[in-house]
Amino acid sequence: MTRSRLRWMVVATGVFLLAGLWLAPSLSPAVAIPVSLVWLALLGFLLYAAYIVLRSWLGPRMAAAIVVIAVLVPVAGTMIPAPPDLAMRLPCPRNWGWLATWMLRSSPIGTTFVRVDGTPVKICYGRPAARGRTMLGGSRVPFGQLWRTGANEPTTIVAPIGLVVAGVQIPAGRAALYTIPGPESWEIILNASTSQWGLETEYRDAIRSRELGRAIVPSEQSDSFVERLTFLPDSAGVVLAWERTRVRIPIEPVRR
């Protein structure tokens, strides 16, 4: 393969990879899987092309080391637990032990920052879309059943200080936010375990034993429709907004 041909193939591959990331939120979950496999194959080719180019400059061992580091650094940055202050600056955590983490996401990762007594707090969550379906109270997110409060990994609160979330005290660091939706009120569940995949069937005794507490908060109905799950900063904490439902979750610092 000539260098000119390789260069054009790399450029085309890069364009397709960027297009995949851009189009992923508009894909249905069924379509996202085969598209993801093609996307991963293109990514593999791009890494191979990078190795070929680097090998001609630095030799095979150094080229291989650079490519491996390029893959591992972003994985490690979102997988290895970091101190709270550093975690606030890193991308949202991911569970790379699940195959779905490597796929394109039709429910993209969302990040909401809330200021609690002047201190920034980060909320990381998957953002599923209604896509013409009834989600809350429907077959996808039925009332009275445990929900990861998003998609993919469980919704996670990252904070450099101790917090009181809906009356439940959580320490500085990371805590998962599960919920049990209802037509008029929601049960809020805070859990110290955040490394699991968000599937509700994975919420077994080992994870349940790490619960920090539960609380009940009211839900409201709005005239405006929100297509994709969104956490909105609020003066008293955060508001979960999806479809016509609004759930206000108060957040305050731990008072000593």
C-alpha atoms as a PDB file:
ATOM      1  CA  MET A   1       0.000   0.000   0.000  1.00  0.00           C
ATOM      2  CA  THR A   2       1.442   3.363  -1.049  1.00  0.00           C
ATOM      3  CA  ARG A   3       1.716   6.205   1.437  1.00  0.00           C
ATOM      4  CA  SER A   4      -0.642   8.326  -0.638  1.00  0.00           C
ATOM      5  CA  ARG A   5      -3.329   5.634  -0.608  1.00  0.00           C
ATOM      6  CA  LEU A   6      -2.832   5.019   3.092  1.00  0.00           C
ATOM      7  CA  ARG A   7      -3.179   8.736   3.809  1.00  0.00           C
ATOM      8  CA  TRP A   8      -6.482   8.976   1.953  1.00  0.00           C
ATOM      9  CA  MET A   9      -7.798   5.840   3.646  1.00  0.00           C
ATOM     10  CA  VAL A  10      -6.890   7.270   7.050  1.00  0.00           C
ATOM     11  CA  VAL A  11      -8.667  10.535   6.256  1.00  0.00           C
ATOM     12  CA  ALA A  12     -11.784   8.707   5.040  1.00  0.00           C
ATOM     13  CA  THR A  13     -11.748   6.439   8.087  1.00  0.00           C
ATOM     14  CA  GLY A  14     -11.459   9.435  10.404  1.00  0.00           C
ATOM     15  CA  VAL A  15     -14.446  11.080   8.713  1.00  0.00           C
ATOM     16  CA  PHE A  16     -16.543   7.919   9.105  1.00  0.00           C
ATOM     17  CA  LEU A  17     -15.555   7.576  12.774  1.00  0.00           C
ATOM     18  CA  LEU A  18     -16.544  11.175  13.526  1.00  0.00           C
ATOM     19  CA  ALA A  19     -19.796  10.720  11.587  1.00  0.00           C
ATOM     20  CA  GLY A  20     -20.559   7.625  13.667  1.00  0.00           C
ATOM     21  CA  LEU A  21     -20.138   9.549  16.909  1.00  0.00           C
ATOM     22  CA  TRP A  22     -22.320  12.360  15.585  1.00  0.00           C
ATOM     23  CA  LEU A  23     -25.090  10.083  14.297  1.00  0.00           C
ATOM     24  CA  ALA A  24     -25.115   7.614  17.216  1.00  0.00           C
ATOM     25  CA  PRO A  25     -27.755   9.452  19.310  1.00  0.00           C
ATOM     26  CA  SER A  26     -30.191   9.323  16.392  1.00  0.00           C
ATOM     27  CA  LEU A  27     -29.814   5.565  15.917  1.00  0.00           C
ATOM     28  CA  SER A  28     -32.254   3.086  17.383  1.00  0.00           C
ATOM     29  CA  PRO A  29     -30.670   0.519  19.732  1.00  0.00           C
ATOM     30  CA  ALA A  30     -31.256  -2.250  17.162  1.00  0.00           C
ATOM     31  CA  VAL A  31     -29.400  -0.337  14.435  1.00  0.00           C
ATOM     32  CA  ALA A  32     -26.676   0.896  16.793  1.00  0.00           C
ATOM     33  CA  ILE A  33     -25.236  -2.625  17.294  1.00  0.00           C
ATOM     34  CA  PRO A  34     -24.299  -3.428  13.646  1.00  0.00           C
ATOM     35  CA  VAL A  35     -23.189   0.170  13.066  1.00  0.00           C
ATOM     36  CA  SER A  36     -21.008  -0.100  16.174  1.00  0.00           C
ATOM     37  CA  LEU A  37     -19.321  -3.242  14.838  1.00  0.00           C
ATOM     38  CA  VAL A  38     -18.436  -1.428  11.616  1.00  0.00           C
ATOM     39  CA  TRP A  39     -17.272   1.581  13.631  1.00  0.00           C
ATOM     40  CA  LEU A  40     -15.012  -0.586  15.796  1.00  0.00           C
ATOM     41  CA  ALA A  41     -13.540  -2.247  12.692  1.00  0.00           C
ATOM     42  CA  LEU A  42     -12.727   1.181  11.253  1.00  0.00           C
ATOM     43  CA  LEU A  43     -11.180   2.220  14.555  1.00  0.00           C
ATOM     44  CA  GLY A  44      -9.034  -0.907  14.469  1.00  0.00           C
ATOM     45  CA  PHE A  45      -7.874  -0.006  10.960  1.00  0.00           C
ATOM     46  CA  LEU A  46      -7.019   3.529  12.081  1.00  0.00           C
ATOM     47  CA  LEU A  47      -4.922   2.180  14.950  1.00  0.00           C
ATOM     48  CA  TYR A  48      -3.186  -0.216  12.571  1.00  0.00           C
ATOM     49  CA  ALA A  49      -2.454   2.631  10.156  1.00  0.00           C
ATOM     50  CA  ALA A  50      -1.023   4.664  13.019  1.00  0.00           C
ATOM     51  CA  TYR A  51       1.216   1.730  13.915  1.00  0.00           C
ATOM     52  CA  ILE A  52       2.453   1.426  10.307  1.00  0.00           C
ATOM     53  CA  VAL A  53       3.365   5.106  10.144  1.00  0.00           C
ATOM     54  CA  LEU A  54       5.008   5.177  13.577  1.00  0.00           C
ATOM     55  CA  ARG A  55       6.922   1.970  12.857  1.00  0.00           C
ATOM     56  CA  SER A  56       8.686   3.605   9.927  1.00  0.00           C
ATOM     57  CA  TRP A  57       9.866   6.420  12.220  1.00  0.00           C
ATOM     58  CA  LEU A  58      10.406   4.788  15.623  1.00  0.00           C
ATOM     59  CA  GLY A  59      10.634   1.048  15.073  1.00  0.00           C
ATOM     60  CA  PRO A  60       8.051  -1.671  15.822  1.00  0.00           C
ATOM     61  CA  ARG A  61       8.358  -1.799  19.611  1.00  0.00           C
ATOM     62  CA  MET A  62       8.034   1.927  20.205  1.00  0.00           C
ATOM     63  CA  ALA A  63       5.211   2.179  17.648  1.00  0.00           C
ATOM     64  CA  ALA A  64       3.286  -0.646  19.335  1.00  0.00           C
ATOM     65  CA  ALA A  65       3.818   0.928  22.764  1.00  0.00           C
ATOM     66  CA  ILE A  66       2.452   4.294  21.611  1.00  0.00           C
ATOM     67  CA  VAL A  67      -0.653   2.706  20.048  1.00  0.00           C
ATOM     68  CA  VAL A  68      -1.344   0.634  23.170  1.00  0.00           C
ATOM     69  CA  ILE A  69      -0.954   3.697  25.394  1.00  0.00           C
ATOM     70  CA  ALA A  70      -3.294   5.680  23.116  1.00  0.00           C
ATOM     71  CA  VAL A  71      -5.961   3.015  23.688  1.00  0.00           C
ATOM     72  CA  LEU A  72      -5.406   2.475  27.403  1.00  0.00           C
ATOM     73  CA  VAL A  73      -5.177   6.092  28.586  1.00  0.00           C
ATOM     74  CA  PRO A  74      -8.805   7.077  27.806  1.00  0.00           C
ATOM     75  CA  VAL A  75     -10.026   3.716  29.141  1.00  0.00           C
ATOM     76  CA  ALA A  76      -8.070   4.086  32.381  1.00  0.00           C
ATOM     77  CA  GLY A  77      -9.213   7.701  32.774  1.00  0.00           C
ATOM     78  CA  THR A  78     -12.859   6.628  32.859  1.00  0.00           C
ATOM     79  CA  MET A  79     -12.460   3.281  34.643  1.00  0.00           C
ATOM     80  CA  ILE A  80     -10.034   3.755  37.549  1.00  0.00           C
ATOM     81  CA  PRO A  81     -11.613   5.534  40.549  1.00  0.00           C
ATOM     82  CA  ALA A  82      -9.940   8.908  41.077  1.00  0.00           C
ATOM     83  CA  PRO A  83      -9.898  11.232  44.098  1.00  0.00           C
ATOM     84  CA  PRO A  84     -13.041  13.414  44.152  1.00  0.00           C
ATOM     85  CA  ASP A  85     -11.275  16.648  43.133  1.00  0.00           C
ATOM     86  CA  LEU A  86      -9.619  14.929  40.165  1.00  0.00           C
ATOM     87  CA  ALA A  87     -12.783  13.011  39.221  1.00  0.00           C
ATOM     88  CA  MET A  88     -14.566  16.339  38.764  1.00  0.00           C
ATOM     89  CA  ARG A  89     -12.139  17.136  35.921  1.00  0.00           C
ATOM     90  CA  LEU A  90     -12.136  13.717  34.274  1.00  0.00           C
ATOM     91  CA  PRO A  91     -14.752  12.385  31.829  1.00  0.00           C
ATOM     92  CA  CYS A  92     -17.713  10.542  33.276  1.00  0.00           C
ATOM     93  CA  PRO A  93     -16.924   6.998  34.479  1.00  0.00           C
ATOM     94  CA  ARG A  94     -17.601   4.004  32.247  1.00  0.00           C
ATOM     95  CA  ASN A  95     -17.799   0.278  32.924  1.00  0.00           C
ATOM     96  CA  TRP A  96     -15.454  -1.161  30.279  1.00  0.00           C
ATOM     97  CA  GLY A  97     -16.085  -4.681  31.509  1.00  0.00           C
ATOM     98  CA  TRP A  98     -19.364  -4.736  29.585  1.00  0.00           C
ATOM     99  CA  LEU A  99     -19.351  -5.155  25.802  1.00  0.00           C
ATOM    100  CA  ALA A 100     -22.030  -2.464  25.458  1.00  0.00           C
ATOM    101  CA  THR A 101     -19.556   0.136  26.733  1.00  0.00           C
ATOM    102  CA  TRP A 102     -17.485  -0.308  23.572  1.00  0.00           C
ATOM    103  CA  MET A 103     -20.474   0.309  21.317  1.00  0.00           C
ATOM    104  CA  LEU A 104     -21.842   3.539  19.923  1.00  0.00           C
ATOM    105  CA  ARG A 105     -24.511   4.870  22.245  1.00  0.00           C
ATOM    106  CA  SER A 106     -28.006   5.736  21.086  1.00  0.00           C
ATOM    107  CA  SER A 107     -28.382   7.115  24.625  1.00  0.00           C
ATOM    108  CA  PRO A 108     -25.367   9.435  24.860  1.00  0.00           C
ATOM    109  CA  ILE A 109     -23.616  10.310  28.098  1.00  0.00           C
ATOM    110  CA  GLY A 110     -24.853  13.556  29.623  1.00  0.00           C
ATOM    111  CA  THR A 111     -23.086  15.687  32.209  1.00  0.00           C
ATOM    112  CA  THR A 112     -24.805  18.234  34.433  1.00  0.00           C
ATOM    113  CA  PHE A 113     -22.968  20.478  36.865  1.00  0.00           C
ATOM    114  CA  VAL A 114     -24.802  21.776  39.911  1.00  0.00           C
ATOM    115  CA  ARG A 115     -23.398  24.252  42.422  1.00  0.00           C
ATOM    116  CA  VAL A 116     -24.033  23.220  46.012  1.00  0.00           C
ATOM    117  CA  ASP A 117     -23.122  25.985  48.443  1.00  0.00           C
ATOM    118  CA  GLY A 118     -20.648  27.258  45.840  1.00  0.00           C
ATOM    119  CA  THR A 119     -19.046  23.847  45.210  1.00  0.00           C
ATOM    120  CA  PRO A 120     -19.527  22.204  41.796  1.00  0.00           C
ATOM    121  CA  VAL A 121     -21.123  18.752  41.779  1.00  0.00           C
ATOM    122  CA  LYS A 122     -21.192  16.585  38.633  1.00  0.00           C
ATOM    123  CA  ILE A 123     -24.013  14.269  37.575  1.00  0.00           C
ATOM    124  CA  CYS A 124     -23.197  11.681  34.891  1.00  0.00           C
ATOM    125  CA  TYR A 125     -26.038   9.829  33.195  1.00  0.00           C
ATOM    126  CA  GLY A 126     -27.170   8.125  30.022  1.00  0.00           C
ATOM    127  CA  ARG A 127     -29.773  10.112  28.067  1.00  0.00           C
ATOM    128  CA  PRO A 128     -32.411   7.836  26.504  1.00  0.00           C
ATOM    129  CA  ALA A 129     -34.949   9.372  24.130  1.00  0.00           C
ATOM    130  CA  ALA A 130     -38.698   8.815  23.976  1.00  0.00           C
ATOM    131  CA  ARG A 131     -38.733   8.318  20.172  1.00  0.00           C
ATOM    132  CA  GLY A 132     -42.535   8.375  20.092  1.00  0.00           C
ATOM    133  CA  ARG A 133     -42.859   5.835  22.914  1.00  0.00           C
ATOM    134  CA  THR A 134     -44.332   6.234  26.379  1.00  0.00           C
ATOM    135  CA  MET A 135     -41.304   5.723  28.591  1.00  0.00           C
ATOM    136  CA  LEU A 136     -42.143   6.737  32.168  1.00  0.00           C
ATOM    137  CA  GLY A 137     -45.029   4.569  33.294  1.00  0.00           C
ATOM    138  CA  GLY A 138     -44.793   2.476  30.118  1.00  0.00           C
ATOM    139  CA  SER A 139     -43.227  -0.917  29.461  1.00  0.00           C
ATOM    140  CA  ARG A 140     -39.709   0.546  29.253  1.00  0.00           C
ATOM    141  CA  VAL A 141     -39.728   2.317  32.641  1.00  0.00           C
ATOM    142  CA  PRO A 142     -42.758   0.959  34.516  1.00  0.00           C
ATOM    143  CA  PHE A 143     -44.007   2.567  37.693  1.00  0.00           C
ATOM    144  CA  GLY A 144     -43.135   0.766  40.889  1.00  0.00           C
ATOM    145  CA  GLN A 145     -39.974  -0.889  39.558  1.00  0.00           C
ATOM    146  CA  LEU A 146     -36.289  -0.127  40.014  1.00  0.00           C
ATOM    147  CA  TRP A 147     -34.711   2.079  37.340  1.00  0.00           C
ATOM    148  CA  ARG A 148     -31.092   3.065  36.774  1.00  0.00           C
ATOM    149  CA  THR A 149     -32.370   6.639  36.184  1.00  0.00           C
ATOM    150  CA  GLY A 150     -30.982   6.772  32.680  1.00  0.00           C
ATOM    151  CA  ALA A 151     -29.309   4.298  30.353  1.00  0.00           C
ATOM    152  CA  ASN A 152     -26.128   2.217  30.236  1.00  0.00           C
ATOM    153  CA  GLU A 153     -24.222   2.771  33.515  1.00  0.00           C
ATOM    154  CA  PRO A 154     -26.279   3.899  36.510  1.00  0.00           C
ATOM    155  CA  THR A 155     -26.599   7.637  36.966  1.00  0.00           C
ATOM    156  CA  THR A 156     -23.662   8.735  39.117  1.00  0.00           C
ATOM    157  CA  ILE A 157     -23.173  11.752  41.365  1.00  0.00           C
ATOM    158  CA  VAL A 158     -19.542  12.910  41.627  1.00  0.00           C
ATOM    159  CA  ALA A 159     -18.837  15.372  44.438  1.00  0.00           C
ATOM    160  CA  PRO A 160     -15.701  16.680  46.184  1.00  0.00           C
ATOM    161  CA  ILE A 161     -17.708  17.219  49.395  1.00  0.00           C
ATOM    162  CA  GLY A 162     -20.213  15.254  51.431  1.00  0.00           C
ATOM    163  CA  LEU A 163     -23.808  15.841  50.350  1.00  0.00           C
ATOM    164  CA  VAL A 164     -27.332  15.355  51.571  1.00  0.00           C
ATOM    165  CA  VAL A 165     -29.436  14.224  48.601  1.00  0.00           C
ATOM    166  CA  ALA A 166     -33.177  14.214  49.297  1.00  0.00           C
ATOM    167  CA  GLY A 167     -32.334  13.801  52.968  1.00  0.00           C
ATOM    168  CA  VAL A 168     -29.849  10.956  52.417  1.00  0.00           C
ATOM    169  CA  GLN A 169     -26.258  11.677  53.393  1.00  0.00           C
ATOM    170  CA  ILE A 170     -23.551  10.547  50.943  1.00  0.00           C
ATOM    171  CA  PRO A 171     -19.783  10.949  51.369  1.00  0.00           C
ATOM    172  CA  ALA A 172     -17.459  12.807  49.018  1.00  0.00           C
ATOM    173  CA  GLY A 173     -16.642  10.780  45.917  1.00  0.00           C
ATOM    174  CA  ARG A 174     -19.103   8.844  43.748  1.00  0.00           C
ATOM    175  CA  ALA A 175     -22.586   7.529  44.449  1.00  0.00           C
ATOM    176  CA  ALA A 176     -25.081   5.854  42.119  1.00  0.00           C
ATOM    177  CA  LEU A 177     -28.581   7.261  41.841  1.00  0.00           C
ATOM    178  CA  TYR A 178     -31.329   4.707  41.286  1.00  0.00           C
ATOM    179  CA  THR A 179     -35.042   5.468  41.433  1.00  0.00           C
ATOM    180  CA  ILE A 180     -38.411   3.764  41.607  1.00  0.00           C
ATOM    181  CA  PRO A 181     -40.728   6.003  39.558  1.00  0.00           C
ATOM    182  CA  GLY A 182     -44.376   6.475  40.441  1.00  0.00           C
ATOM    183  CA  PRO A 183     -47.268   8.548  39.058  1.00  0.00           C
ATOM    184  CA  GLU A 184     -47.186  11.041  41.945  1.00  0.00           C
ATOM    185  CA  SER A 185     -43.925  10.373  43.816  1.00  0.00           C
ATOM    186  CA  TRP A 186     -40.548   8.750  43.222  1.00  0.00           C
ATOM    187  CA  GLU A 187     -38.348   6.750  45.564  1.00  0.00           C
ATOM    188  CA  ILE A 188     -34.750   7.959  45.466  1.00  0.00           C
ATOM    189  CA  ILE A 189     -32.046   5.365  46.155  1.00  0.00           C
ATOM    190  CA  LEU A 190     -28.401   6.313  46.753  1.00  0.00           C
ATOM    191  CA  ASN A 191     -25.809   3.567  46.524  1.00  0.00           C
ATOM    192  CA  ALA A 192     -22.049   3.594  47.149  1.00  0.00           C
ATOM    193  CA  SER A 193     -21.489   1.004  44.384  1.00  0.00           C
ATOM    194  CA  THR A 194     -20.905   2.678  41.004  1.00  0.00           C
ATOM    195  CA  SER A 195     -18.781   0.237  38.990  1.00  0.00           C
ATOM    196  CA  GLN A 196     -21.622  -2.080  37.944  1.00  0.00           C
ATOM    197  CA  TRP A 197     -23.527  -1.949  34.686  1.00  0.00           C
ATOM    198  CA  GLY A 198     -26.857  -0.216  35.079  1.00  0.00           C
ATOM    199  CA  LEU A 199     -29.139  -3.116  34.182  1.00  0.00           C
ATOM    200  CA  GLU A 200     -31.766  -3.339  36.874  1.00  0.00           C
ATOM    201  CA  THR A 201     -31.368  -7.129  36.957  1.00  0.00           C
ATOM    202  CA  GLU A 202     -27.768  -6.553  38.094  1.00  0.00           C
ATOM    203  CA  TYR A 203     -29.012  -4.856  41.276  1.00  0.00           C
ATOM    204  CA  ARG A 204     -28.416  -7.915  43.412  1.00  0.00           C
ATOM    205  CA  ASP A 205     -27.793  -8.415  47.102  1.00  0.00           C
ATOM    206  CA  ALA A 206     -24.105  -7.458  46.926  1.00  0.00           C
ATOM    207  CA  ILE A 207     -24.985  -4.088  45.406  1.00  0.00           C
ATOM    208  CA  ARG A 208     -28.130  -3.617  47.492  1.00  0.00           C
ATOM    209  CA  SER A 209     -26.059  -4.067  50.643  1.00  0.00           C
ATOM    210  CA  ARG A 210     -24.147  -0.890  49.777  1.00  0.00           C
ATOM    211  CA  GLU A 211     -27.197   1.357  49.773  1.00  0.00           C
ATOM    212  CA  LEU A 212     -26.654   4.648  51.572  1.00  0.00           C
ATOM    213  CA  GLY A 213     -30.357   5.347  52.015  1.00  0.00           C
ATOM    214  CA  ARG A 214     -33.729   5.927  50.389  1.00  0.00           C
ATOM    215  CA  ALA A 215     -36.153   8.838  50.297  1.00  0.00           C
ATOM    216  CA  ILE A 216     -39.454   9.825  48.684  1.00  0.00           C
ATOM    217  CA  VAL A 217     -39.805  12.972  46.563  1.00  0.00           C
ATOM    218  CA  PRO A 218     -42.906  14.237  44.722  1.00  0.00           C
ATOM    219  CA  SER A 219     -43.175  14.348  40.947  1.00  0.00           C
ATOM    220  CA  GLU A 220     -44.875  17.026  38.865  1.00  0.00           C
ATOM    221  CA  GLN A 221     -46.356  17.255  35.397  1.00  0.00           C
ATOM    222  CA  SER A 222     -45.413  19.978  32.924  1.00  0.00           C
ATOM    223  CA  ASP A 223     -47.015  21.287  29.755  1.00  0.00           C
ATOM    224  CA  SER A 224     -43.669  21.130  27.930  1.00  0.00           C
ATOM    225  CA  PHE A 225     -42.337  17.861  26.532  1.00  0.00           C
ATOM    226  CA  VAL A 226     -38.683  16.835  26.956  1.00  0.00           C
ATOM    227  CA  GLU A 227     -37.661  14.260  24.350  1.00  0.00           C
ATOM    228  CA  ARG A 228     -34.412  13.101  25.951  1.00  0.00           C
ATOM    229  CA  LEU A 229     -33.818  12.544  29.677  1.00  0.00           C
ATOM    230  CA  THR A 230     -32.229  15.662  31.147  1.00  0.00           C
ATOM    231  CA  PHE A 231     -30.980  16.716  34.568  1.00  0.00           C
ATOM    232  CA  LEU A 232     -31.384  20.460  35.019  1.00  0.00           C
ATOM    233  CA  PRO A 233     -29.628  22.548  37.691  1.00  0.00           C
ATOM    234  CA  ASP A 234     -32.013  24.017  40.211  1.00  0.00           C
ATOM    235  CA  SER A 235     -31.529  26.505  43.035  1.00  0.00           C
ATOM    236  CA  ALA A 236     -32.304  23.736  45.542  1.00  0.00           C
ATOM    237  CA  GLY A 237     -30.549  20.882  43.740  1.00  0.00           C
ATOM    238  CA  VAL A 238     -31.418  19.240  40.438  1.00  0.00           C
ATOM    239  CA  VAL A 239     -34.560  18.562  38.387  1.00  0.00           C
ATOM    240  CA  LEU A 240     -35.025  15.315  36.470  1.00  0.00           C
ATOM    241  CA  ALA A 241     -36.980  16.190  33.323  1.00  0.00           C
ATOM    242  CA  TRP A 242     -38.277  13.648  30.820  1.00  0.00           C
ATOM    243  CA  GLU A 243     -41.398  13.645  28.722  1.00  0.00           C
ATOM    244  CA  ARG A 244     -43.834  15.737  30.810  1.00  0.00           C
ATOM    245  CA  THR A 245     -42.539  14.549  34.178  1.00  0.00           C
ATOM    246  CA  ARG A 246     -40.437  16.699  36.509  1.00  0.00           C
ATOM    247  CA  VAL A 247     -38.829  15.358  39.693  1.00  0.00           C
ATOM    248  CA  ARG A 248     -37.048  17.826  41.968  1.00  0.00           C
ATOM    249  CA  ILE A 249     -34.212  16.273  43.951  1.00  0.00           C
ATOM    250  CA  PRO A 250     -32.891  18.565  46.695  1.00  0.00           C
ATOM    251  CA  ILE A 251     -29.124  18.595  47.237  1.00  0.00           C
ATOM    252  CA  GLU A 252     -27.293  20.388  50.025  1.00  0.00           C
ATOM    253  CA  PRO A 253     -23.899  20.094  51.689  1.00  0.00           C
ATOM    254  CA  VAL A 254     -23.389  18.105  54.843  1.00  0.00           C
ATOM    255  CA  ARG A 255     -23.613  20.523  57.780  1.00  0.00           C
ATOM    256  CA  ARG A 256     -21.128  20.003  60.564  1.00  0.00           C
END
